Amino acid sequence: PWGNAPDPGAANLGGVGGGLWPADQYSRDMSPFGVVNMGGNAAEFVDQIQTPSQEALRRFSLLVTPPPTANEPWYAFRGGSFRLPVASAATYEWGTFPARFRGPDLGFRCVKDLARN
C-alpha cells in the first residue's frame, strides 16, 4: 500500500503499536484511493474457501481445540496485522485459517460500490 519499499513505520505492524488502533491512526497506510489500513492493524478475512497447507494445519493445531483438519472449512486472510512482521503486509500475500478460528488481530472489511453519476 505504500509503494515498493517495505516500511514498518507506515502501518501498525510487528507489535510496535501494541494492539488495534483507530483506522485513521497511520496516515501513511493509505492507498492512492484513500483506503486505509490495507497493510496493517488487522489482517482481513476474505470470503474465499482455501485448502490449508501442512504448515497451516500444524500451526493452527497449537491454537485451536480440538485441532483443525483439512476436511473442515478454511478461509483466506490477507494483509498484515499488529502482531505480524512487515513482510506479511503485502496485499498479494495471503494465509489460511480454519473457519472457527478467532483472533485479536483478524477482522473483516465491509465494501460497498459507490453509485456512479
PDB file of N, CA and C in Angstrom:
ATOM      1  N   PRO A   1       0.799  -1.214   0.000  1.00  0.00           N
ATOM      2  CA  PRO A   1       0.000   0.000   0.000  1.00  0.00           C
ATOM      3  C   PRO A   1       0.836   1.269   0.000  1.00  0.00           C
ATOM      4  N   TRP A   2       2.136   1.186   0.290  1.00  0.00           N
ATOM      5  CA  TRP A   2       2.961   2.393   0.348  1.00  0.00           C
ATOM      6  C   TRP A   2       4.083   2.365  -0.674  1.00  0.00           C
ATOM      7  N   GLY A   3       3.967   1.571  -1.720  1.00  0.00           N
ATOM      8  CA  GLY A   3       4.989   1.535  -2.754  1.00  0.00           C
ATOM      9  C   GLY A   3       5.802   0.249  -2.709  1.00  0.00           C
ATOM     10  N   ASN A   4       6.959   0.268  -3.342  1.00  0.00           N
ATOM     11  CA  ASN A   4       7.780  -0.933  -3.481  1.00  0.00           C
ATOM     12  C   ASN A   4       8.690  -1.216  -2.298  1.00  0.00           C
ATOM     13  N   ALA A   5       8.928  -0.251  -1.433  1.00  0.00           N
ATOM     14  CA  ALA A   5       9.832  -0.433  -0.301  1.00  0.00           C
ATOM     15  C   ALA A   5       9.039  -0.716   0.976  1.00  0.00           C
ATOM     16  N   PRO A   6       9.279  -1.880   1.618  1.00  0.00           N
ATOM     17  CA  PRO A   6       8.603  -2.157   2.888  1.00  0.00           C
ATOM     18  C   PRO A   6       8.956  -1.080   3.914  1.00  0.00           C
ATOM     19  N   ASP A   7       7.956  -0.588   4.612  1.00  0.00           N
ATOM     20  CA  ASP A   7       8.165   0.478   5.590  1.00  0.00           C
ATOM     21  C   ASP A   7       7.419   0.119   6.871  1.00  0.00           C
ATOM     22  N   PRO A   8       8.107  -0.509   7.852  1.00  0.00           N
ATOM     23  CA  PRO A   8       7.423  -0.936   9.073  1.00  0.00           C
ATOM     24  C   PRO A   8       6.829   0.210   9.883  1.00  0.00           C
ATOM     25  N   GLY A   9       7.275   1.426   9.658  1.00  0.00           N
ATOM     26  CA  GLY A   9       6.720   2.569  10.378  1.00  0.00           C
ATOM     27  C   GLY A   9       5.474   3.150   9.734  1.00  0.00           C
ATOM     28  N   ALA A  10       5.098   2.634   8.564  1.00  0.00           N
ATOM     29  CA  ALA A  10       3.952   3.181   7.839  1.00  0.00           C
ATOM     30  C   ALA A  10       2.628   2.595   8.293  1.00  0.00           C
ATOM     31  N   ALA A  11       2.675   1.523   9.075  1.00  0.00           N
ATOM     32  CA  ALA A  11       1.431   0.854   9.475  1.00  0.00           C
ATOM     33  C   ALA A  11       1.604   0.246  10.859  1.00  0.00           C
ATOM     34  N   ASN A  12       0.524  -0.167  11.440  1.00  0.00           N
ATOM     35  CA  ASN A  12       0.525  -0.822  12.747  1.00  0.00           C
ATOM     36  C   ASN A  12       0.914  -2.288  12.537  1.00  0.00           C
ATOM     37  N   LEU A  13       2.224  -2.555  12.547  1.00  0.00           N
ATOM     38  CA  LEU A  13       2.774  -3.877  12.267  1.00  0.00           C
ATOM     39  C   LEU A  13       3.809  -4.287  13.297  1.00  0.00           C
ATOM     40  N   GLY A  14       4.016  -5.586  13.415  1.00  0.00           N
ATOM     41  CA  GLY A  14       5.134  -6.129  14.169  1.00  0.00           C
ATOM     42  C   GLY A  14       5.164  -5.830  15.646  1.00  0.00           C
ATOM     43  N   GLY A  15       4.022  -5.619  16.266  1.00  0.00           N
ATOM     44  CA  GLY A  15       3.985  -5.389  17.703  1.00  0.00           C
ATOM     45  C   GLY A  15       4.347  -3.990  18.130  1.00  0.00           C
ATOM     46  N   VAL A  16       4.605  -3.095  17.191  1.00  0.00           N
ATOM     47  CA  VAL A  16       5.015  -1.727  17.525  1.00  0.00           C
ATOM     48  C   VAL A  16       3.891  -0.970  18.220  1.00  0.00           C
ATOM     49  N   GLY A  17       2.658  -1.070  17.692  1.00  0.00           N
ATOM     50  CA  GLY A  17       1.532  -0.330  18.253  1.00  0.00           C
ATOM     51  C   GLY A  17       0.912  -0.985  19.472  1.00  0.00           C
ATOM     52  N   GLY A  18       1.171  -2.270  19.692  1.00  0.00           N
ATOM     53  CA  GLY A  18       0.683  -2.962  20.873  1.00  0.00           C
ATOM     54  C   GLY A  18      -0.754  -3.442  20.810  1.00  0.00           C
ATOM     55  N   GLY A  19      -1.453  -3.221  19.746  1.00  0.00           N
ATOM     56  CA  GLY A  19      -2.851  -3.650  19.614  1.00  0.00           C
ATOM     57  C   GLY A  19      -3.515  -2.912  18.473  1.00  0.00           C
ATOM     58  N   LEU A  20      -4.823  -3.065  18.375  1.00  0.00           N
ATOM     59  CA  LEU A  20      -5.571  -2.363  17.323  1.00  0.00           C
ATOM     60  C   LEU A  20      -5.619  -0.869  17.599  1.00  0.00           C
ATOM     61  N   TRP A  21      -5.549  -0.090  16.529  1.00  0.00           N
ATOM     62  CA  TRP A  21      -5.622   1.360  16.613  1.00  0.00           C
ATOM     63  C   TRP A  21      -6.787   1.850  15.765  1.00  0.00           C
ATOM     64  N   PRO A  22      -7.244   3.089  15.981  1.00  0.00           N
ATOM     65  CA  PRO A  22      -8.288   3.647  15.103  1.00  0.00           C
ATOM     66  C   PRO A  22      -7.826   3.602  13.646  1.00  0.00           C
ATOM     67  N   ALA A  23      -8.755   3.445  12.745  1.00  0.00           N
ATOM     68  CA  ALA A  23      -8.449   3.256  11.324  1.00  0.00           C
ATOM     69  C   ALA A  23      -7.624   4.390  10.733  1.00  0.00           C
ATOM     70  N   ASP A  24      -7.751   5.597  11.237  1.00  0.00           N
ATOM     71  CA  ASP A  24      -7.027   6.727  10.653  1.00  0.00           C
ATOM     72  C   ASP A  24      -5.734   7.064  11.396  1.00  0.00           C
ATOM     73  N   GLN A  25      -5.268   6.206  12.267  1.00  0.00           N
ATOM     74  CA  GLN A  25      -4.089   6.479  13.087  1.00  0.00           C
ATOM     75  C   GLN A  25      -2.798   6.564  12.262  1.00  0.00           C
ATOM     76  N   TYR A  26      -2.650   5.721  11.263  1.00  0.00           N
ATOM     77  CA  TYR A  26      -1.437   5.698  10.447  1.00  0.00           C
ATOM     78  C   TYR A  26      -1.751   6.317   9.094  1.00  0.00           C
ATOM     79  N   SER A  27      -1.453   7.581   8.935  1.00  0.00           N
ATOM     80  CA  SER A  27      -1.827   8.289   7.708  1.00  0.00           C
ATOM     81  C   SER A  27      -1.062   7.790   6.487  1.00  0.00           C
ATOM     82  N   ARG A  28       0.091   7.145   6.673  1.00  0.00           N
ATOM     83  CA  ARG A  28       0.844   6.620   5.522  1.00  0.00           C
ATOM     84  C   ARG A  28       0.347   5.249   5.084  1.00  0.00           C
ATOM     85  N   ASP A  29      -0.521   4.601   5.866  1.00  0.00           N
ATOM     86  CA  ASP A  29      -1.083   3.303   5.474  1.00  0.00           C
ATOM     87  C   ASP A  29      -2.391   3.554   4.731  1.00  0.00           C
ATOM     88  N   MET A  30      -2.267   4.245   3.605  1.00  0.00           N
ATOM     89  CA  MET A  30      -3.438   4.630   2.811  1.00  0.00           C
ATOM     90  C   MET A  30      -3.125   4.415   1.335  1.00  0.00           C
ATOM     91  N   SER A  31      -4.058   3.805   0.637  1.00  0.00           N
ATOM     92  CA  SER A  31      -3.882   3.583  -0.805  1.00  0.00           C
ATOM     93  C   SER A  31      -4.081   4.898  -1.550  1.00  0.00           C
ATOM     94  N   PRO A  32      -3.711   4.928  -2.825  1.00  0.00           N
ATOM     95  CA  PRO A  32      -3.968   6.131  -3.632  1.00  0.00           C
ATOM     96  C   PRO A  32      -5.456   6.458  -3.739  1.00  0.00           C
ATOM     97  N   PHE A  33      -6.317   5.486  -3.416  1.00  0.00           N
ATOM     98  CA  PHE A  33      -7.764   5.689  -3.483  1.00  0.00           C
ATOM     99  C   PHE A  33      -8.368   6.077  -2.134  1.00  0.00           C
ATOM    100  N   GLY A  34      -7.520   6.267  -1.112  1.00  0.00           N
ATOM    101  CA  GLY A  34      -7.994   6.673   0.200  1.00  0.00           C
ATOM    102  C   GLY A  34      -8.414   5.533   1.113  1.00  0.00           C
ATOM    103  N   VAL A  35      -8.125   4.292   0.730  1.00  0.00           N
ATOM    104  CA  VAL A  35      -8.462   3.141   1.569  1.00  0.00           C
ATOM    105  C   VAL A  35      -7.369   2.990   2.619  1.00  0.00           C
ATOM    106  N   VAL A  36      -7.767   2.946   3.898  1.00  0.00           N
ATOM    107  CA  VAL A  36      -6.796   2.894   4.988  1.00  0.00           C
ATOM    108  C   VAL A  36      -6.627   1.478   5.526  1.00  0.00           C
ATOM    109  N   ASN A  37      -5.475   1.265   6.162  1.00  0.00           N
ATOM    110  CA  ASN A  37      -5.134   0.017   6.846  1.00  0.00           C
ATOM    111  C   ASN A  37      -5.183  -1.219   5.960  1.00  0.00           C
ATOM    112  N   MET A  38      -4.713  -1.097   4.732  1.00  0.00           N
ATOM    113  CA  MET A  38      -4.595  -2.275   3.880  1.00  0.00           C
ATOM    114  C   MET A  38      -3.333  -3.063   4.226  1.00  0.00           C
ATOM    115  N   GLY A  39      -2.400  -2.456   4.925  1.00  0.00           N
ATOM    116  CA  GLY A  39      -1.148  -3.122   5.250  1.00  0.00           C
ATOM    117  C   GLY A  39      -1.059  -3.609   6.673  1.00  0.00           C
ATOM    118  N   GLY A  40      -1.709  -2.955   7.597  1.00  0.00           N
ATOM    119  CA  GLY A  40      -1.532  -3.315   8.999  1.00  0.00           C
ATOM    120  C   GLY A  40      -2.815  -3.220   9.793  1.00  0.00           C
ATOM    121  N   ASN A  41      -2.662  -3.197  11.093  1.00  0.00           N
ATOM    122  CA  ASN A  41      -3.721  -3.133  12.094  1.00  0.00           C
ATOM    123  C   ASN A  41      -4.356  -4.505  12.284  1.00  0.00           C
ATOM    124  N   ALA A  42      -5.267  -4.915  11.399  1.00  0.00           N
ATOM    125  CA  ALA A  42      -5.871  -6.249  11.486  1.00  0.00           C
ATOM    126  C   ALA A  42      -5.765  -6.937  10.129  1.00  0.00           C
ATOM    127  N   ALA A  43      -5.350  -8.199  10.133  1.00  0.00           N
ATOM    128  CA  ALA A  43      -5.417  -8.995   8.913  1.00  0.00           C
ATOM    129  C   ALA A  43      -6.897  -9.190   8.604  1.00  0.00           C
ATOM    130  N   GLU A  44      -7.227  -9.333   7.341  1.00  0.00           N
ATOM    131  CA  GLU A  44      -8.641  -9.340   6.970  1.00  0.00           C
ATOM    132  C   GLU A  44      -9.105 -10.660   6.390  1.00  0.00           C
ATOM    133  N   PHE A  45     -10.201 -11.143   6.956  1.00  0.00           N
ATOM    134  CA  PHE A  45     -10.897 -12.326   6.469  1.00  0.00           C
ATOM    135  C   PHE A  45     -11.347 -12.066   5.033  1.00  0.00           C
ATOM    136  N   VAL A  46     -11.114 -13.039   4.165  1.00  0.00           N
ATOM    137  CA  VAL A  46     -11.562 -12.965   2.777  1.00  0.00           C
ATOM    138  C   VAL A  46     -12.529 -14.109   2.552  1.00  0.00           C
ATOM    139  N   ASP A  47     -13.685 -13.831   2.018  1.00  0.00           N
ATOM    140  CA  ASP A  47     -14.703 -14.861   1.788  1.00  0.00           C
ATOM    141  C   ASP A  47     -14.283 -15.723   0.603  1.00  0.00           C
ATOM    142  N   GLN A  48     -13.251 -16.528   0.850  1.00  0.00           N
ATOM    143  CA  GLN A  48     -12.675 -17.370  -0.184  1.00  0.00           C
ATOM    144  C   GLN A  48     -12.221 -18.679   0.469  1.00  0.00           C
ATOM    145  N   ILE A  49     -12.881 -19.777   0.140  1.00  0.00           N
ATOM    146  CA  ILE A  49     -12.521 -21.085   0.682  1.00  0.00           C
ATOM    147  C   ILE A  49     -11.133 -21.463   0.169  1.00  0.00           C
ATOM    148  N   GLN A  50     -10.296 -21.976   1.067  1.00  0.00           N
ATOM    149  CA  GLN A  50      -8.930 -22.383   0.719  1.00  0.00           C
ATOM    150  C   GLN A  50      -8.638 -23.772   1.282  1.00  0.00           C
ATOM    151  N   THR A  51      -7.694 -24.448   0.684  1.00  0.00           N
ATOM    152  CA  THR A  51      -7.179 -25.704   1.225  1.00  0.00           C
ATOM    153  C   THR A  51      -5.970 -25.360   2.079  1.00  0.00           C
ATOM    154  N   PRO A  52      -5.927 -25.817   3.336  1.00  0.00           N
ATOM    155  CA  PRO A  52      -4.795 -25.463   4.190  1.00  0.00           C
ATOM    156  C   PRO A  52      -3.527 -26.215   3.791  1.00  0.00           C
ATOM    157  N   SER A  53      -2.406 -25.568   3.981  1.00  0.00           N
ATOM    158  CA  SER A  53      -1.113 -26.225   3.786  1.00  0.00           C
ATOM    159  C   SER A  53      -0.810 -27.077   5.018  1.00  0.00           C
ATOM    160  N   GLN A  54       0.174 -27.932   4.913  1.00  0.00           N
ATOM    161  CA  GLN A  54       0.597 -28.721   6.067  1.00  0.00           C
ATOM    162  C   GLN A  54       1.092 -27.812   7.187  1.00  0.00           C
ATOM    163  N   GLU A  55       1.764 -26.727   6.814  1.00  0.00           N
ATOM    164  CA  GLU A  55       2.245 -25.765   7.819  1.00  0.00           C
ATOM    165  C   GLU A  55       1.075 -25.098   8.540  1.00  0.00           C
ATOM    166  N   ALA A  56       0.027 -24.721   7.804  1.00  0.00           N
ATOM    167  CA  ALA A  56      -1.152 -24.116   8.437  1.00  0.00           C
ATOM    168  C   ALA A  56      -1.818 -25.113   9.384  1.00  0.00           C
ATOM    169  N   LEU A  57      -1.939 -26.355   8.972  1.00  0.00           N
ATOM    170  CA  LEU A  57      -2.509 -27.388   9.846  1.00  0.00           C
ATOM    171  C   LEU A  57      -1.695 -27.523  11.126  1.00  0.00           C
ATOM    172  N   ARG A  58      -0.371 -27.546  11.001  1.00  0.00           N
ATOM    173  CA  ARG A  58       0.497 -27.658  12.172  1.00  0.00           C
ATOM    174  C   ARG A  58       0.366 -26.438  13.080  1.00  0.00           C
ATOM    175  N   ARG A  59       0.442 -25.252  12.487  1.00  0.00           N
ATOM    176  CA  ARG A  59       0.388 -24.012  13.272  1.00  0.00           C
ATOM    177  C   ARG A  59      -0.934 -23.879  14.020  1.00  0.00           C
ATOM    178  N   PHE A  60      -2.039 -24.124  13.329  1.00  0.00           N
ATOM    179  CA  PHE A  60      -3.338 -23.940  13.979  1.00  0.00           C
ATOM    180  C   PHE A  60      -3.695 -25.085  14.925  1.00  0.00           C
ATOM    181  N   SER A  61      -3.008 -26.222  14.822  1.00  0.00           N
ATOM    182  CA  SER A  61      -3.248 -27.293  15.794  1.00  0.00           C
ATOM    183  C   SER A  61      -2.802 -26.865  17.186  1.00  0.00           C
ATOM    184  N   LEU A  62      -1.922 -25.869  17.257  1.00  0.00           N
ATOM    185  CA  LEU A  62      -1.476 -25.324  18.543  1.00  0.00           C
ATOM    186  C   LEU A  62      -2.400 -24.220  19.054  1.00  0.00           C
ATOM    187  N   LEU A  63      -3.272 -23.723  18.185  1.00  0.00           N
ATOM    188  CA  LEU A  63      -4.104 -22.567  18.536  1.00  0.00           C
ATOM    189  C   LEU A  63      -5.585 -22.889  18.693  1.00  0.00           C
ATOM    190  N   VAL A  64      -6.039 -24.001  18.138  1.00  0.00           N
ATOM    191  CA  VAL A  64      -7.468 -24.318  18.101  1.00  0.00           C
ATOM    192  C   VAL A  64      -7.702 -25.690  18.736  1.00  0.00           C
ATOM    193  N   THR A  65      -8.726 -25.776  19.587  1.00  0.00           N
ATOM    194  CA  THR A  65      -9.096 -27.038  20.223  1.00  0.00           C
ATOM    195  C   THR A  65     -10.528 -27.379  19.861  1.00  0.00           C
ATOM    196  N   PRO A  66     -10.790 -28.594  19.400  1.00  0.00           N
ATOM    197  CA  PRO A  66      -9.817 -29.613  19.016  1.00  0.00           C
ATOM    198  C   PRO A  66      -9.056 -29.165  17.774  1.00  0.00           C
ATOM    199  N   PRO A  67      -7.883 -29.778  17.527  1.00  0.00           N
ATOM    200  CA  PRO A  67      -7.076 -29.377  16.370  1.00  0.00           C
ATOM    201  C   PRO A  67      -7.864 -29.456  15.073  1.00  0.00           C
ATOM    202  N   PRO A  68      -7.697 -28.486  14.194  1.00  0.00           N
ATOM    203  CA  PRO A  68      -8.435 -28.479  12.929  1.00  0.00           C
ATOM    204  C   PRO A  68      -7.933 -29.567  11.971  1.00  0.00           C
ATOM    205  N   THR A  69      -8.781 -29.912  11.037  1.00  0.00           N
ATOM    206  CA  THR A  69      -8.426 -30.871   9.996  1.00  0.00           C
ATOM    207  C   THR A  69      -8.580 -30.214   8.634  1.00  0.00           C
ATOM    208  N   ALA A  70      -8.020 -30.825   7.628  1.00  0.00           N
ATOM    209  CA  ALA A  70      -8.135 -30.297   6.268  1.00  0.00           C
ATOM    210  C   ALA A  70      -9.545 -30.469   5.718  1.00  0.00           C
ATOM    211  N   ASN A  71     -10.374 -31.287   6.369  1.00  0.00           N
ATOM    212  CA  ASN A  71     -11.731 -31.546   5.881  1.00  0.00           C
ATOM    213  C   ASN A  71     -12.744 -30.509   6.331  1.00  0.00           C
ATOM    214  N   GLU A  72     -12.378 -29.624   7.231  1.00  0.00           N
ATOM    215  CA  GLU A  72     -13.305 -28.574   7.659  1.00  0.00           C
ATOM    216  C   GLU A  72     -13.062 -27.321   6.827  1.00  0.00           C
ATOM    217  N   PRO A  73     -13.984 -26.356   6.851  1.00  0.00           N
ATOM    218  CA  PRO A  73     -13.807 -25.142   6.034  1.00  0.00           C
ATOM    219  C   PRO A  73     -12.614 -24.301   6.515  1.00  0.00           C
ATOM    220  N   TRP A  74     -11.820 -23.860   5.566  1.00  0.00           N
ATOM    221  CA  TRP A  74     -10.709 -22.946   5.799  1.00  0.00           C
ATOM    222  C   TRP A  74     -10.901 -21.753   4.870  1.00  0.00           C
ATOM    223  N   TYR A  75     -10.540 -20.569   5.358  1.00  0.00           N
ATOM    224  CA  TYR A  75     -10.695 -19.344   4.584  1.00  0.00           C
ATOM    225  C   TYR A  75      -9.356 -18.639   4.436  1.00  0.00           C
ATOM    226  N   ALA A  76      -9.311 -17.724   3.499  1.00  0.00           N
ATOM    227  CA  ALA A  76      -8.121 -16.919   3.263  1.00  0.00           C
ATOM    228  C   ALA A  76      -8.169 -15.665   4.135  1.00  0.00           C
ATOM    229  N   PHE A  77      -6.996 -15.179   4.495  1.00  0.00           N
ATOM    230  CA  PHE A  77      -6.867 -13.844   5.068  1.00  0.00           C
ATOM    231  C   PHE A  77      -5.740 -13.142   4.337  1.00  0.00           C
ATOM    232  N   ARG A  78      -5.827 -11.834   4.291  1.00  0.00           N
ATOM    233  CA  ARG A  78      -4.828 -11.020   3.592  1.00  0.00           C
ATOM    234  C   ARG A  78      -4.420  -9.841   4.460  1.00  0.00           C
ATOM    235  N   GLY A  79      -3.247  -9.324   4.152  1.00  0.00           N
ATOM    236  CA  GLY A  79      -2.755  -8.136   4.833  1.00  0.00           C
ATOM    237  C   GLY A  79      -2.068  -8.459   6.147  1.00  0.00           C
ATOM    238  N   GLY A  80      -1.362  -7.474   6.649  1.00  0.00           N
ATOM    239  CA  GLY A  80      -0.654  -7.626   7.905  1.00  0.00           C
ATOM    240  C   GLY A  80      -1.536  -7.274   9.082  1.00  0.00           C
ATOM    241  N   SER A  81      -0.995  -7.474  10.264  1.00  0.00           N
ATOM    242  CA  SER A  81      -1.707  -7.107  11.482  1.00  0.00           C
ATOM    243  C   SER A  81      -0.704  -6.561  12.487  1.00  0.00           C
ATOM    244  N   PHE A  82      -1.215  -6.076  13.581  1.00  0.00           N
ATOM    245  CA  PHE A  82      -0.333  -5.515  14.595  1.00  0.00           C
ATOM    246  C   PHE A  82       0.591  -6.569  15.194  1.00  0.00           C
ATOM    247  N   ARG A  83       0.302  -7.848  14.985  1.00  0.00           N
ATOM    248  CA  ARG A  83       1.136  -8.919  15.538  1.00  0.00           C
ATOM    249  C   ARG A  83       2.120  -9.508  14.533  1.00  0.00           C
ATOM    250  N   LEU A  84       2.027  -9.141  13.248  1.00  0.00           N
ATOM    251  CA  LEU A  84       2.839  -9.764  12.201  1.00  0.00           C
ATOM    252  C   LEU A  84       3.923  -8.825  11.687  1.00  0.00           C
ATOM    253  N   PRO A  85       5.017  -9.382  11.143  1.00  0.00           N
ATOM    254  CA  PRO A  85       6.092  -8.537  10.603  1.00  0.00           C
ATOM    255  C   PRO A  85       5.680  -7.860   9.310  1.00  0.00           C
ATOM    256  N   VAL A  86       6.472  -6.875   8.898  1.00  0.00           N
ATOM    257  CA  VAL A  86       6.151  -6.077   7.716  1.00  0.00           C
ATOM    258  C   VAL A  86       6.052  -6.936   6.456  1.00  0.00           C
ATOM    259  N   ALA A  87       6.772  -8.041   6.361  1.00  0.00           N
ATOM    260  CA  ALA A  87       6.716  -8.894   5.164  1.00  0.00           C
ATOM    261  C   ALA A  87       5.313  -9.432   4.906  1.00  0.00           C
ATOM    262  N   SER A  88       4.503  -9.574   5.938  1.00  0.00           N
ATOM    263  CA  SER A  88       3.147 -10.099   5.767  1.00  0.00           C
ATOM    264  C   SER A  88       2.168  -9.029   5.312  1.00  0.00           C
ATOM    265  N   ALA A  89       2.599  -7.789   5.221  1.00  0.00           N
ATOM    266  CA  ALA A  89       1.694  -6.694   4.875  1.00  0.00           C
ATOM    267  C   ALA A  89       1.448  -6.570   3.386  1.00  0.00           C
ATOM    268  N   ALA A  90       2.183  -7.316   2.575  1.00  0.00           N
ATOM    269  CA  ALA A  90       1.974  -7.241   1.126  1.00  0.00           C
ATOM    270  C   ALA A  90       0.572  -7.731   0.797  1.00  0.00           C
ATOM    271  N   THR A  91      -0.174  -6.932   0.076  1.00  0.00           N
ATOM    272  CA  THR A  91      -1.571  -7.287  -0.185  1.00  0.00           C
ATOM    273  C   THR A  91      -1.711  -8.505  -1.091  1.00  0.00           C
ATOM    274  N   TYR A  92      -0.650  -8.886  -1.785  1.00  0.00           N
ATOM    275  CA  TYR A  92      -0.720 -10.083  -2.615  1.00  0.00           C
ATOM    276  C   TYR A  92      -0.410 -11.349  -1.814  1.00  0.00           C
ATOM    277  N   GLU A  93       0.083 -11.235  -0.585  1.00  0.00           N
ATOM    278  CA  GLU A  93       0.324 -12.387   0.272  1.00  0.00           C
ATOM    279  C   GLU A  93      -0.968 -12.770   0.984  1.00  0.00           C
ATOM    280  N   TRP A  94      -1.146 -14.053   1.245  1.00  0.00           N
ATOM    281  CA  TRP A  94      -2.334 -14.487   1.961  1.00  0.00           C
ATOM    282  C   TRP A  94      -2.007 -15.728   2.778  1.00  0.00           C
ATOM    283  N   GLY A  95      -2.837 -15.996   3.748  1.00  0.00           N
ATOM    284  CA  GLY A  95      -2.715 -17.189   4.570  1.00  0.00           C
ATOM    285  C   GLY A  95      -4.083 -17.814   4.710  1.00  0.00           C
ATOM    286  N   THR A  96      -4.134 -18.930   5.412  1.00  0.00           N
ATOM    287  CA  THR A  96      -5.408 -19.605   5.645  1.00  0.00           C
ATOM    288  C   THR A  96      -5.641 -19.782   7.135  1.00  0.00           C
ATOM    289  N   PHE A  97      -6.905 -19.871   7.500  1.00  0.00           N
ATOM    290  CA  PHE A  97      -7.268 -20.162   8.881  1.00  0.00           C
ATOM    291  C   PHE A  97      -8.559 -20.969   8.874  1.00  0.00           C
ATOM    292  N   PRO A  98      -8.738 -21.833   9.901  1.00  0.00           N
ATOM    293  CA  PRO A  98      -9.992 -22.590   9.968  1.00  0.00           C
ATOM    294  C   PRO A  98     -11.151 -21.648  10.270  1.00  0.00           C
ATOM    295  N   ALA A  99     -12.315 -21.933   9.733  1.00  0.00           N
ATOM    296  CA  ALA A  99     -13.480 -21.060   9.879  1.00  0.00           C
ATOM    297  C   ALA A  99     -13.809 -20.785  11.342  1.00  0.00           C
ATOM    298  N   ARG A 100     -13.513 -21.694  12.225  1.00  0.00           N
ATOM    299  CA  ARG A 100     -13.862 -21.499  13.648  1.00  0.00           C
ATOM    300  C   ARG A 100     -12.789 -20.756  14.438  1.00  0.00           C
ATOM    301  N   PHE A 101     -11.722 -20.326  13.792  1.00  0.00           N
ATOM    302  CA  PHE A 101     -10.658 -19.589  14.472  1.00  0.00           C
ATOM    303  C   PHE A 101     -11.076 -18.154  14.751  1.00  0.00           C
ATOM    304  N   ARG A 102     -10.702 -17.676  15.917  1.00  0.00           N
ATOM    305  CA  ARG A 102     -10.896 -16.272  16.285  1.00  0.00           C
ATOM    306  C   ARG A 102      -9.573 -15.742  16.794  1.00  0.00           C
ATOM    307  N   GLY A 103      -9.252 -14.521  16.417  1.00  0.00           N
ATOM    308  CA  GLY A 103      -8.011 -13.928  16.882  1.00  0.00           C
ATOM    309  C   GLY A 103      -8.163 -12.435  17.072  1.00  0.00           C
ATOM    310  N   PRO A 104      -7.363 -11.851  17.973  1.00  0.00           N
ATOM    311  CA  PRO A 104      -7.478 -10.415  18.258  1.00  0.00           C
ATOM    312  C   PRO A 104      -6.982  -9.539  17.115  1.00  0.00           C
ATOM    313  N   ASP A 105      -6.327 -10.137  16.131  1.00  0.00           N
ATOM    314  CA  ASP A 105      -5.792  -9.346  15.014  1.00  0.00           C
ATOM    315  C   ASP A 105      -6.386  -9.772  13.680  1.00  0.00           C
ATOM    316  N   LEU A 106      -7.569 -10.369  13.702  1.00  0.00           N
ATOM    317  CA  LEU A 106      -8.253 -10.804  12.488  1.00  0.00           C
ATOM    318  C   LEU A 106      -9.593 -10.098  12.409  1.00  0.00           C
ATOM    319  N   GLY A 107      -9.837  -9.434  11.294  1.00  0.00           N
ATOM    320  CA  GLY A 107     -11.087  -8.691  11.121  1.00  0.00           C
ATOM    321  C   GLY A 107     -11.639  -8.886   9.724  1.00  0.00           C
ATOM    322  N   PHE A 108     -12.509  -8.009   9.348  1.00  0.00           N
ATOM    323  CA  PHE A 108     -13.073  -8.031   8.002  1.00  0.00           C
ATOM    324  C   PHE A 108     -13.352  -6.598   7.592  1.00  0.00           C
ATOM    325  N   ARG A 109     -13.584  -6.404   6.323  1.00  0.00           N
ATOM    326  CA  ARG A 109     -13.835  -5.065   5.786  1.00  0.00           C
ATOM    327  C   ARG A 109     -15.145  -5.106   5.019  1.00  0.00           C
ATOM    328  N   CYS A 110     -16.016  -4.194   5.317  1.00  0.00           N
ATOM    329  CA  CYS A 110     -17.263  -4.058   4.558  1.00  0.00           C
ATOM    330  C   CYS A 110     -16.983  -3.162   3.357  1.00  0.00           C
ATOM    331  N   VAL A 111     -17.473  -3.564   2.208  1.00  0.00           N
ATOM    332  CA  VAL A 111     -17.225  -2.820   0.976  1.00  0.00           C
ATOM    333  C   VAL A 111     -18.532  -2.555   0.289  1.00  0.00           C
ATOM    334  N   LYS A 112     -18.671  -1.363  -0.241  1.00  0.00           N
ATOM    335  CA  LYS A 112     -19.876  -1.005  -0.970  1.00  0.00           C
ATOM    336  C   LYS A 112     -19.455  -0.248  -2.226  1.00  0.00           C
ATOM    337  N   ASP A 113     -20.042  -0.636  -3.345  1.00  0.00           N
ATOM    338  CA  ASP A 113     -19.821   0.102  -4.582  1.00  0.00           C
ATOM    339  C   ASP A 113     -20.515   1.450  -4.488  1.00  0.00           C
ATOM    340  N   LEU A 114     -19.815   2.498  -4.885  1.00  0.00           N
ATOM    341  CA  LEU A 114     -20.409   3.818  -4.891  1.00  0.00           C
ATOM    342  C   LEU A 114     -21.226   4.002  -6.163  1.00  0.00           C
ATOM    343  N   ALA A 115     -22.342   4.683  -6.038  1.00  0.00           N
ATOM    344  CA  ALA A 115     -23.156   4.980  -7.221  1.00  0.00           C
ATOM    345  C   ALA A 115     -22.358   5.925  -8.118  1.00  0.00           C
ATOM    346  N   ARG A 116     -22.369   5.640  -9.392  1.00  0.00           N
ATOM    347  CA  ARG A 116     -21.654   6.498 -10.345  1.00  0.00           C
ATOM    348  C   ARG A 116     -22.614   7.460 -10.983  1.00  0.00           C
ATOM    349  N   ASN A 117     -22.213   8.715 -11.062  1.00  0.00           N
ATOM    350  CA  ASN A 117     -23.044   9.743 -11.679  1.00  0.00           C
ATOM    351  C   ASN A 117     -22.572  10.054 -13.059  1.00  0.00           C
TER     352      ASN A 117
END
